[in-house]
């Protein structure tokens, strides 16, 4: 496995989860409107899991040009397109079905095709996509992010594909698709949303410079981690 690239992290601690979510909302809205003003498009990668759900629900009220959003996903579980486990379904229910974003602007990972074929199809889609404007990520108790797990290939090499097939994930389902660390790092901004006492050990390991998957995301501008002050 390749050595992790140098990562610069800005830690932001909040007194409550509500304050964390409000700050995330503001950062996403500001990033969207800034990208649209500068380049006419906002390319965002959405995270799955429970932590971002409330932020997505808040974004329904954001004043932004939804027609200029291009939505991608950091990872997906290999299940039918409408399976409750799917990150794309959560994003639809929390945000995308409630705002006037064109369906063609939402690029779900075709994980229903299986990890190998789905990863290849998504890689083909991403080849035509420039740097992301904003990547949203979470942090697992074991230090994983997206579906990049410890003791797996994180896709850090210069020839890493944009999307990777993942097998034997340590949490169900075992078969997934994830954007590689290399592709997630091709971003103007990366924002981690981390809350909950269960994440304390992973944050401590990260801050101590240990080799965890989250540390492999290294865009030139660094990453911002929004978390509870009590965990820092």
Protein backbone atom coordinates (compact mmCIF):
# COMPACT_ATOMS: atom_id res chain seq x y z
CA UNK A 1 0.00 0.00 0.00
CA UNK A 2 1.37 3.43 -0.90
CA UNK A 3 2.47 5.82 1.82
CA UNK A 4 -0.18 8.32 2.84
CA UNK A 5 0.33 11.79 1.35
CA UNK A 6 0.91 14.77 3.60
CA UNK A 7 -2.43 16.05 4.87
CA UNK A 8 -3.11 19.46 6.38
CA UNK A 9 -6.08 19.48 8.77
CA UNK A 10 -8.01 22.40 10.24
CA UNK A 11 -9.93 21.24 13.31
CA UNK A 12 -13.15 23.05 14.27
CA UNK A 13 -14.77 22.21 17.59
CA UNK A 14 -18.38 23.07 18.42
CA UNK A 15 -20.25 23.14 21.72
CA UNK A 16 -23.15 21.16 20.29
CA UNK A 17 -24.10 19.02 17.30
CA UNK A 18 -26.67 21.68 16.34
CA UNK A 19 -23.90 24.29 16.06
CA UNK A 20 -21.80 21.87 14.00
CA UNK A 21 -24.71 21.27 11.62
CA UNK A 22 -25.42 24.99 11.28
CA UNK A 23 -21.79 25.68 10.41
CA UNK A 24 -21.78 22.85 7.86
CA UNK A 25 -24.92 24.28 6.27
CA UNK A 26 -23.30 27.71 5.94
CA UNK A 27 -20.08 26.29 4.50
CA UNK A 28 -21.91 24.20 1.90
CA UNK A 29 -24.17 27.07 0.84
CA UNK A 30 -21.20 29.45 0.60
CA UNK A 31 -19.19 26.93 -1.40
CA UNK A 32 -22.10 26.34 -3.79
CA UNK A 33 -22.82 29.97 -4.45
CA UNK A 34 -19.14 30.84 -4.78
CA UNK A 35 -18.54 28.05 -7.30
CA UNK A 36 -21.61 29.00 -9.33
CA UNK A 37 -20.53 32.64 -9.41
CA UNK A 38 -16.96 31.75 -10.42
CA UNK A 39 -17.44 28.82 -12.79
CA UNK A 40 -21.18 28.44 -13.43
CA UNK A 41 -21.38 25.00 -11.79
CA UNK A 42 -21.12 23.46 -8.32
CA UNK A 43 -19.68 19.94 -8.27
CA UNK A 44 -20.32 18.38 -4.87
CA UNK A 45 -19.70 14.90 -3.49
CA UNK A 46 -22.23 13.84 -0.87
CA UNK A 47 -21.45 11.60 2.09
CA UNK A 48 -23.71 8.86 3.37
CA UNK A 49 -24.48 7.84 6.93
CA UNK A 50 -26.46 9.49 9.69
CA UNK A 51 -24.32 12.53 10.47
CA UNK A 52 -24.99 14.52 7.26
CA UNK A 53 -28.71 13.71 7.08
CA UNK A 54 -29.80 16.67 9.22
CA UNK A 55 -27.53 19.00 7.24
CA UNK A 56 -29.12 17.82 3.99
CA UNK A 57 -32.57 18.50 5.43
CA UNK A 58 -31.44 22.03 6.38
CA UNK A 59 -30.16 22.59 2.84
CA UNK A 60 -33.71 22.34 1.50
CA UNK A 61 -34.08 25.98 2.58
CA UNK A 62 -30.80 27.17 1.04
CA UNK A 63 -31.03 30.03 -1.43
CA UNK A 64 -29.01 28.72 -4.37
CA UNK A 65 -29.35 27.97 -8.07
CA UNK A 66 -30.12 24.26 -7.87
CA UNK A 67 -29.95 23.93 -11.64
CA UNK A 68 -26.19 24.53 -11.40
CA UNK A 69 -25.55 21.75 -8.87
CA UNK A 70 -23.89 18.56 -10.11
CA UNK A 71 -24.16 15.90 -7.41
CA UNK A 72 -21.88 12.89 -6.99
CA UNK A 73 -21.40 10.37 -4.19
CA UNK A 74 -18.31 9.32 -2.26
CA UNK A 75 -19.34 5.71 -1.88
CA UNK A 76 -22.25 3.33 -2.18
CA UNK A 77 -23.43 -0.03 -0.92
CA UNK A 78 -24.01 -2.70 -3.54
CA UNK A 79 -27.76 -3.11 -3.32
CA UNK A 80 -30.77 -2.38 -5.50
CA UNK A 81 -31.19 1.25 -6.49
CA UNK A 82 -34.04 1.84 -4.03
CA UNK A 83 -32.65 -0.18 -1.12
CA UNK A 84 -32.90 1.67 2.23
CA UNK A 85 -29.16 1.09 2.74
CA UNK A 86 -28.26 3.17 -0.31
CA UNK A 87 -26.60 6.54 0.29
CA UNK A 88 -28.31 7.87 -2.84
CA UNK A 89 -31.72 7.03 -1.40
CA UNK A 90 -30.93 8.79 1.88
CA UNK A 91 -29.79 11.86 -0.04
CA UNK A 92 -32.96 11.84 -2.12
CA UNK A 93 -35.21 11.54 0.92
CA UNK A 94 -33.34 14.16 2.94
CA UNK A 95 -32.65 16.71 0.20
CA UNK A 96 -32.72 15.95 -3.50
CA UNK A 97 -36.43 15.10 -3.82
CA UNK A 98 -37.30 18.39 -2.13
CA UNK A 99 -35.39 20.88 -4.29
CA UNK A 100 -35.61 21.76 -8.01
CA UNK A 101 -32.42 20.02 -9.04
CA UNK A 102 -32.65 18.38 -12.48
CA UNK A 103 -32.57 14.59 -12.31
CA UNK A 104 -29.79 14.56 -14.90
CA UNK A 105 -27.62 16.51 -12.45
CA UNK A 106 -27.67 13.73 -9.84
CA UNK A 107 -25.05 11.08 -10.59
CA UNK A 108 -25.74 8.07 -8.39
CA UNK A 109 -23.18 5.29 -8.27
CA UNK A 110 -24.60 2.32 -10.23
CA UNK A 111 -23.83 -0.08 -7.39
CA UNK A 112 -26.77 -2.28 -8.34
CA UNK A 113 -24.53 -3.47 -11.20
CA UNK A 114 -22.11 -4.99 -8.68
CA UNK A 115 -18.88 -3.56 -7.35
CA UNK A 116 -16.64 -4.27 -10.35
CA UNK A 117 -18.96 -3.18 -13.16
CA UNK A 118 -20.44 -0.34 -11.11
CA UNK A 119 -16.99 1.04 -10.25
CA UNK A 120 -15.95 0.96 -13.90
CA UNK A 121 -19.13 2.71 -14.99
CA UNK A 122 -18.69 5.43 -12.37
CA UNK A 123 -15.04 5.87 -13.24
CA UNK A 124 -16.09 6.50 -16.84
CA UNK A 125 -18.55 9.17 -15.68
CA UNK A 126 -15.93 10.86 -13.51
CA UNK A 127 -13.29 10.95 -16.24
CA UNK A 128 -15.19 13.82 -17.82
CA UNK A 129 -15.51 15.67 -14.50
CA UNK A 130 -12.93 18.18 -13.33
CA UNK A 131 -11.95 18.84 -9.74
CA UNK A 132 -14.81 18.72 -7.25
CA UNK A 133 -15.73 22.01 -5.62
CA UNK A 134 -16.65 20.37 -2.33
CA UNK A 135 -16.31 16.83 -0.97
CA UNK A 136 -18.31 15.88 2.12
CA UNK A 137 -17.03 12.97 4.18
CA UNK A 138 -17.64 11.24 7.47
CA UNK A 139 -15.42 9.29 9.84
CA UNK A 140 -16.02 5.74 11.06
CA UNK A 141 -15.09 4.40 14.47
CA UNK A 142 -12.21 2.52 12.82
CA UNK A 143 -10.97 5.61 10.99
CA UNK A 144 -12.57 4.76 7.66
CA UNK A 145 -14.04 7.36 5.36
CA UNK A 146 -16.31 6.80 2.35
CA UNK A 147 -15.79 3.02 1.93
CA UNK A 148 -12.03 3.18 2.36
CA UNK A 149 -11.35 0.80 5.26
CA UNK A 150 -8.24 -0.12 7.24
CA UNK A 151 -6.22 -2.95 5.70
CA UNK A 152 -7.79 -2.32 2.28
CA UNK A 153 -6.52 -0.50 -0.81
CA UNK A 154 -7.33 3.20 -0.43
CA UNK A 155 -6.47 4.12 -4.00
CA UNK A 156 -3.64 6.54 -3.31
CA UNK A 157 -1.32 5.63 -6.18
CA UNK A 158 -0.98 7.94 -9.17
CA UNK A 159 -2.73 5.33 -11.34
CA UNK A 160 -5.60 4.69 -8.92
CA UNK A 161 -9.02 4.61 -10.61
CA UNK A 162 -11.59 7.26 -9.79
CA UNK A 163 -13.95 4.62 -8.38
CA UNK A 164 -12.91 1.33 -6.79
CA UNK A 165 -14.61 -1.99 -6.12
CA UNK A 166 -14.59 -2.82 -2.41
CA UNK A 167 -14.88 -6.38 -1.09
CA UNK A 168 -14.94 -7.77 2.43
CA UNK A 169 -15.89 -4.48 4.06
CA UNK A 170 -15.73 -4.93 7.85
CA UNK A 171 -19.30 -3.67 8.22
CA UNK A 172 -22.28 -4.83 6.14
CA UNK A 173 -22.81 -5.01 3.31
CA UNK A 174 -19.36 -6.39 2.44
CA UNK A 175 -19.51 -5.36 -1.23
CA UNK A 176 -19.33 -1.64 -2.00
CA UNK A 177 -18.00 1.01 -4.38
CA UNK A 178 -15.90 3.93 -3.20
CA UNK A 179 -14.18 6.86 -4.80
CA UNK A 180 -10.45 6.46 -4.36
CA UNK A 181 -8.44 8.64 -2.00
CA UNK A 182 -6.72 10.09 -5.06
CA UNK A 183 -10.04 11.18 -6.61
CA UNK A 184 -11.50 12.47 -3.35
CA UNK A 185 -8.37 14.60 -2.99
CA UNK A 186 -9.01 16.29 -6.34
CA UNK A 187 -11.16 18.93 -4.69
CA UNK A 188 -11.12 22.62 -3.92
CA UNK A 189 -12.48 21.89 -0.44
CA UNK A 190 -13.00 18.78 1.69
CA UNK A 191 -15.29 18.87 4.72
CA UNK A 192 -15.50 16.09 7.31
CA UNK A 193 -18.59 15.98 9.54
CA UNK A 194 -17.86 14.00 12.71
CA UNK A 195 -20.02 13.65 15.81
CA UNK A 196 -20.59 11.16 18.58
CA UNK A 197 -18.57 9.75 21.47
CA UNK A 198 -17.89 6.59 19.43
CA UNK A 199 -15.60 8.65 17.16
CA UNK A 200 -13.28 9.79 19.97
CA UNK A 201 -10.64 7.10 19.46
CA UNK A 202 -10.55 7.61 15.69
CA UNK A 203 -10.11 11.36 16.13
CA UNK A 204 -7.34 10.81 18.66
CA UNK A 205 -5.52 8.45 16.32
CA UNK A 206 -5.94 10.91 13.44
CA UNK A 207 -4.62 13.84 15.47
CA UNK A 208 -1.69 11.72 16.64
CA UNK A 209 -0.66 11.18 13.04
CA UNK A 210 -1.60 7.51 12.83
CA UNK A 211 -2.20 5.90 9.46
CA UNK A 212 -5.98 5.78 9.08
CA UNK A 213 -7.98 6.03 5.84
CA UNK A 214 -9.26 9.55 6.63
CA UNK A 215 -5.65 10.78 6.66
CA UNK A 216 -5.23 9.69 3.03
CA UNK A 217 -7.53 12.47 1.76
CA UNK A 218 -5.05 15.23 1.02
CA UNK A 219 -6.23 18.01 -1.32
CA UNK A 220 -3.80 20.90 -1.87
CA UNK A 221 -6.01 23.23 0.20
CA UNK A 222 -6.16 20.88 3.19
CA UNK A 223 -9.27 19.52 4.89
CA UNK A 224 -11.67 20.98 7.44
CA UNK A 225 -13.02 18.74 10.20
CA UNK A 226 -16.18 19.86 11.98
CA UNK A 227 -16.64 18.00 15.25
CA UNK A 228 -17.72 18.40 18.85
CA UNK A 229 -15.26 20.34 20.99
CA UNK A 230 -15.46 17.62 23.64
CA UNK A 231 -13.86 15.14 21.21
CA UNK A 232 -10.78 17.27 20.59
